[in-house]
Amino acid sequence: MEKTTVVLNNNKGEVQVFSDDIKAGFMDIAIKDTRLTVFHTEVAPAYEGKGFAKLLLARLVSYARENNLQIVPLCPYVLMQFRRHPEEYKDVWAK
C-alpha cells in the first residue's frame, strides 16, 4: 500500500512516497514565508513508470493548498506538469 508524507526540518525537507514501507521516491523542498520551492523529484528505478511521481506531486499540491503556500517549481518534472495542466495548478503556482 502506498502512502505519502511531508517531512520538514527547519523549513527544508522532503515529500516522500512509500510502497509497503519502502521509500519509493521523494521531492526535495524548502519553505520560506509563503513559498514552497520544489527542487528535485526522484523515484527509485524499481518504482519508475508506476505513477509514484504523480503521487508525490499530488501530496505536494495538497500540502501547499492546506498551508496557503505558493509552489516555485524549479524541478523540471513539476514545472512540466504545471505547464501541461495550468488550470489545475493555477491556485498554487508561483509564476
N, C-alpha and C. Protein backbone atom coordinates (compact mmCIF):
# COMPACT_ATOMS: atom_id res chain seq x y z
N MET A 1 0.85 -1.18 0.00
CA MET A 1 0.00 0.00 0.00
C MET A 1 0.89 1.25 0.00
N GLU A 2 0.52 2.23 -0.81
CA GLU A 2 1.29 3.46 -0.91
C GLU A 2 0.81 4.49 0.11
N LYS A 3 1.78 5.25 0.63
CA LYS A 3 1.45 6.39 1.49
C LYS A 3 2.46 7.48 1.21
N THR A 4 2.01 8.72 1.40
CA THR A 4 2.88 9.86 1.19
C THR A 4 2.96 10.67 2.48
N THR A 5 4.12 11.29 2.70
CA THR A 5 4.32 12.12 3.88
C THR A 5 5.13 13.34 3.50
N VAL A 6 4.99 14.38 4.30
CA VAL A 6 5.82 15.58 4.17
C VAL A 6 6.68 15.64 5.43
N VAL A 7 7.99 15.67 5.25
CA VAL A 7 8.93 15.71 6.37
C VAL A 7 9.72 16.99 6.27
N LEU A 8 9.61 17.85 7.29
CA LEU A 8 10.32 19.12 7.30
C LEU A 8 11.21 19.22 8.53
N ASN A 9 12.38 19.83 8.33
CA ASN A 9 13.29 20.12 9.43
C ASN A 9 13.88 21.49 9.12
N ASN A 10 13.53 22.49 9.93
CA ASN A 10 13.99 23.86 9.70
C ASN A 10 13.57 24.36 8.31
N ASN A 11 12.33 24.05 7.94
CA ASN A 11 11.73 24.50 6.68
C ASN A 11 12.39 23.93 5.43
N LYS A 12 13.19 22.89 5.57
CA LYS A 12 13.72 22.15 4.43
C LYS A 12 13.34 20.70 4.64
N GLY A 13 13.13 20.00 3.56
CA GLY A 13 12.75 18.62 3.75
C GLY A 13 12.36 17.92 2.47
N GLU A 14 11.44 16.96 2.63
CA GLU A 14 11.05 16.13 1.52
C GLU A 14 9.55 15.83 1.57
N VAL A 15 9.00 15.61 0.41
CA VAL A 15 7.74 14.91 0.27
C VAL A 15 8.17 13.49 -0.07
N GLN A 16 7.68 12.51 0.66
CA GLN A 16 8.14 11.14 0.47
C GLN A 16 6.97 10.25 0.11
N VAL A 17 7.24 9.24 -0.71
CA VAL A 17 6.24 8.22 -1.02
C VAL A 17 6.83 6.86 -0.66
N PHE A 18 6.01 6.06 0.00
CA PHE A 18 6.41 4.73 0.43
C PHE A 18 5.49 3.69 -0.19
N SER A 19 6.05 2.56 -0.54
CA SER A 19 5.29 1.41 -1.01
C SER A 19 5.65 0.25 -0.10
N ASP A 20 4.66 -0.25 0.61
CA ASP A 20 4.90 -1.33 1.57
C ASP A 20 6.06 -1.00 2.51
N ASP A 21 6.05 0.21 3.03
CA ASP A 21 7.04 0.72 3.98
C ASP A 21 8.45 0.87 3.40
N ILE A 22 8.59 0.80 2.09
CA ILE A 22 9.88 1.03 1.43
C ILE A 22 9.79 2.39 0.74
N LYS A 23 10.78 3.25 1.00
CA LYS A 23 10.78 4.57 0.37
C LYS A 23 10.99 4.42 -1.13
N ALA A 24 9.96 4.77 -1.90
CA ALA A 24 9.99 4.60 -3.35
C ALA A 24 10.40 5.86 -4.08
N GLY A 25 10.26 7.02 -3.44
CA GLY A 25 10.63 8.27 -4.09
C GLY A 25 10.48 9.45 -3.18
N PHE A 26 10.95 10.61 -3.66
CA PHE A 26 10.90 11.82 -2.84
C PHE A 26 11.00 13.05 -3.72
N MET A 27 10.61 14.19 -3.13
CA MET A 27 10.82 15.52 -3.71
C MET A 27 11.59 16.33 -2.68
N ASP A 28 12.67 16.98 -3.10
CA ASP A 28 13.39 17.91 -2.23
C ASP A 28 12.65 19.24 -2.23
N ILE A 29 12.34 19.76 -1.03
CA ILE A 29 11.59 21.00 -0.93
C ILE A 29 12.18 21.91 0.14
N ALA A 30 11.81 23.19 0.05
CA ALA A 30 12.15 24.17 1.09
C ALA A 30 10.99 25.16 1.15
N ILE A 31 10.72 25.65 2.36
CA ILE A 31 9.65 26.62 2.56
C ILE A 31 10.24 27.88 3.16
N LYS A 32 9.89 29.00 2.56
CA LYS A 32 10.27 30.30 3.11
C LYS A 32 9.07 31.22 2.94
N ASP A 33 8.62 31.75 4.06
CA ASP A 33 7.43 32.59 4.09
C ASP A 33 6.25 31.81 3.49
N THR A 34 5.69 32.31 2.39
CA THR A 34 4.54 31.63 1.79
C THR A 34 4.91 30.89 0.51
N ARG A 35 6.20 30.65 0.31
CA ARG A 35 6.66 29.96 -0.89
C ARG A 35 7.25 28.60 -0.57
N LEU A 36 6.78 27.61 -1.31
CA LEU A 36 7.30 26.26 -1.20
C LEU A 36 8.06 25.99 -2.50
N THR A 37 9.36 25.85 -2.40
CA THR A 37 10.18 25.60 -3.58
C THR A 37 10.44 24.10 -3.67
N VAL A 38 10.20 23.54 -4.85
CA VAL A 38 10.50 22.13 -5.09
C VAL A 38 11.67 22.09 -6.06
N PHE A 39 12.74 21.41 -5.63
CA PHE A 39 14.00 21.40 -6.38
C PHE A 39 14.18 20.17 -7.26
N HIS A 40 13.69 19.03 -6.77
CA HIS A 40 14.04 17.77 -7.43
C HIS A 40 13.00 16.71 -7.09
N THR A 41 12.67 15.90 -8.07
CA THR A 41 11.82 14.73 -7.87
C THR A 41 12.60 13.50 -8.29
N GLU A 42 12.55 12.47 -7.45
CA GLU A 42 13.27 11.24 -7.77
C GLU A 42 12.44 10.03 -7.34
N VAL A 43 12.35 9.06 -8.24
CA VAL A 43 11.68 7.80 -7.95
C VAL A 43 12.70 6.69 -8.16
N ALA A 44 12.77 5.76 -7.22
CA ALA A 44 13.71 4.65 -7.32
C ALA A 44 13.43 3.84 -8.60
N PRO A 45 14.48 3.36 -9.26
CA PRO A 45 14.29 2.63 -10.53
C PRO A 45 13.25 1.51 -10.47
N ALA A 46 13.18 0.81 -9.38
CA ALA A 46 12.22 -0.30 -9.26
C ALA A 46 10.77 0.17 -9.29
N TYR A 47 10.55 1.47 -9.05
CA TYR A 47 9.19 2.02 -8.98
C TYR A 47 8.85 2.95 -10.14
N GLU A 48 9.77 3.13 -11.07
CA GLU A 48 9.54 4.02 -12.21
C GLU A 48 8.39 3.50 -13.07
N GLY A 49 7.63 4.44 -13.63
CA GLY A 49 6.54 4.08 -14.52
C GLY A 49 5.29 3.57 -13.83
N LYS A 50 5.22 3.72 -12.51
CA LYS A 50 4.08 3.20 -11.75
C LYS A 50 3.25 4.31 -11.11
N GLY A 51 3.49 5.56 -11.51
CA GLY A 51 2.69 6.66 -11.01
C GLY A 51 3.15 7.26 -9.69
N PHE A 52 4.34 6.92 -9.23
CA PHE A 52 4.81 7.44 -7.94
C PHE A 52 5.12 8.92 -7.99
N ALA A 53 5.63 9.41 -9.12
CA ALA A 53 5.89 10.85 -9.24
C ALA A 53 4.58 11.63 -9.16
N LYS A 54 3.52 11.09 -9.74
CA LYS A 54 2.21 11.75 -9.65
C LYS A 54 1.70 11.76 -8.22
N LEU A 55 1.94 10.68 -7.48
CA LEU A 55 1.55 10.66 -6.06
C LEU A 55 2.30 11.73 -5.28
N LEU A 56 3.59 11.88 -5.57
CA LEU A 56 4.38 12.92 -4.90
C LEU A 56 3.84 14.30 -5.24
N LEU A 57 3.54 14.53 -6.52
CA LEU A 57 3.02 15.82 -6.94
C LEU A 57 1.68 16.11 -6.27
N ALA A 58 0.83 15.13 -6.21
CA ALA A 58 -0.49 15.32 -5.58
C ALA A 58 -0.33 15.70 -4.11
N ARG A 59 0.60 15.06 -3.41
CA ARG A 59 0.82 15.39 -1.99
C ARG A 59 1.42 16.77 -1.84
N LEU A 60 2.36 17.12 -2.73
CA LEU A 60 2.97 18.45 -2.71
C LEU A 60 1.90 19.52 -2.86
N VAL A 61 1.05 19.37 -3.85
CA VAL A 61 0.00 20.36 -4.12
C VAL A 61 -1.00 20.40 -2.96
N SER A 62 -1.38 19.25 -2.44
CA SER A 62 -2.30 19.20 -1.31
C SER A 62 -1.72 19.93 -0.10
N TYR A 63 -0.44 19.69 0.18
CA TYR A 63 0.22 20.35 1.30
C TYR A 63 0.24 21.87 1.09
N ALA A 64 0.56 22.29 -0.13
CA ALA A 64 0.59 23.73 -0.43
C ALA A 64 -0.79 24.34 -0.21
N ARG A 65 -1.83 23.68 -0.67
CA ARG A 65 -3.19 24.21 -0.51
C ARG A 65 -3.60 24.25 0.96
N GLU A 66 -3.28 23.21 1.71
CA GLU A 66 -3.62 23.15 3.13
C GLU A 66 -2.94 24.26 3.93
N ASN A 67 -1.77 24.68 3.48
CA ASN A 67 -0.96 25.65 4.23
C ASN A 67 -0.86 27.01 3.54
N ASN A 68 -1.71 27.25 2.55
CA ASN A 68 -1.73 28.53 1.82
C ASN A 68 -0.36 28.92 1.29
N LEU A 69 0.30 27.98 0.63
CA LEU A 69 1.64 28.20 0.07
C LEU A 69 1.58 28.26 -1.45
N GLN A 70 2.50 28.99 -2.03
CA GLN A 70 2.66 29.05 -3.47
C GLN A 70 3.90 28.23 -3.84
N ILE A 71 3.75 27.38 -4.86
CA ILE A 71 4.84 26.48 -5.26
C ILE A 71 5.71 27.14 -6.32
N VAL A 72 7.02 27.13 -6.07
CA VAL A 72 8.02 27.58 -7.04
C VAL A 72 8.60 26.30 -7.65
N PRO A 73 8.23 25.98 -8.89
CA PRO A 73 8.62 24.70 -9.48
C PRO A 73 9.98 24.73 -10.18
N LEU A 74 11.06 24.63 -9.43
CA LEU A 74 12.39 24.56 -10.02
C LEU A 74 12.68 23.15 -10.55
N CYS A 75 11.97 22.17 -10.07
CA CYS A 75 12.10 20.79 -10.53
C CYS A 75 11.51 20.68 -11.94
N PRO A 76 12.25 20.12 -12.89
CA PRO A 76 11.74 20.00 -14.26
C PRO A 76 10.43 19.21 -14.36
N TYR A 77 10.28 18.16 -13.58
CA TYR A 77 9.05 17.36 -13.63
C TYR A 77 7.85 18.18 -13.18
N VAL A 78 7.98 18.88 -12.07
CA VAL A 78 6.86 19.68 -11.55
C VAL A 78 6.54 20.81 -12.52
N LEU A 79 7.55 21.49 -13.02
CA LEU A 79 7.33 22.57 -13.97
C LEU A 79 6.61 22.05 -15.22
N MET A 80 7.00 20.89 -15.72
CA MET A 80 6.36 20.30 -16.88
C MET A 80 4.87 20.03 -16.60
N GLN A 81 4.58 19.47 -15.44
CA GLN A 81 3.18 19.18 -15.10
C GLN A 81 2.38 20.47 -14.95
N PHE A 82 2.96 21.49 -14.34
CA PHE A 82 2.27 22.77 -14.20
C PHE A 82 1.98 23.38 -15.58
N ARG A 83 2.93 23.29 -16.48
CA ARG A 83 2.72 23.85 -17.83
C ARG A 83 1.69 23.05 -18.62
N ARG A 84 1.66 21.73 -18.42
CA ARG A 84 0.69 20.89 -19.13
C ARG A 84 -0.73 21.09 -18.61
N HIS A 85 -0.86 21.39 -17.32
CA HIS A 85 -2.17 21.49 -16.67
C HIS A 85 -2.29 22.79 -15.87
N PRO A 86 -2.15 23.94 -16.54
CA PRO A 86 -2.11 25.21 -15.80
C PRO A 86 -3.38 25.50 -15.00
N GLU A 87 -4.53 25.10 -15.49
CA GLU A 87 -5.78 25.36 -14.76
C GLU A 87 -5.83 24.58 -13.45
N GLU A 88 -5.31 23.37 -13.47
CA GLU A 88 -5.32 22.51 -12.29
C GLU A 88 -4.46 23.06 -11.16
N TYR A 89 -3.39 23.77 -11.52
CA TYR A 89 -2.42 24.23 -10.53
C TYR A 89 -2.36 25.75 -10.36
N LYS A 90 -3.24 26.48 -11.04
CA LYS A 90 -3.13 27.94 -11.05
C LYS A 90 -3.22 28.56 -9.65
N ASP A 91 -3.91 27.90 -8.73
CA ASP A 91 -4.06 28.47 -7.38
C ASP A 91 -2.80 28.33 -6.52
N VAL A 92 -1.89 27.43 -6.91
CA VAL A 92 -0.68 27.21 -6.11
C VAL A 92 0.61 27.52 -6.86
N TRP A 93 0.52 27.86 -8.13
CA TRP A 93 1.71 28.09 -8.96
C TRP A 93 2.20 29.52 -8.77
N ALA A 94 3.39 29.68 -8.22
CA ALA A 94 4.03 30.98 -8.08
C ALA A 94 4.80 31.25 -9.36
N LYS A 95 4.23 32.08 -10.21
CA LYS A 95 4.86 32.35 -11.51
C LYS A 95 5.84 33.49 -11.41
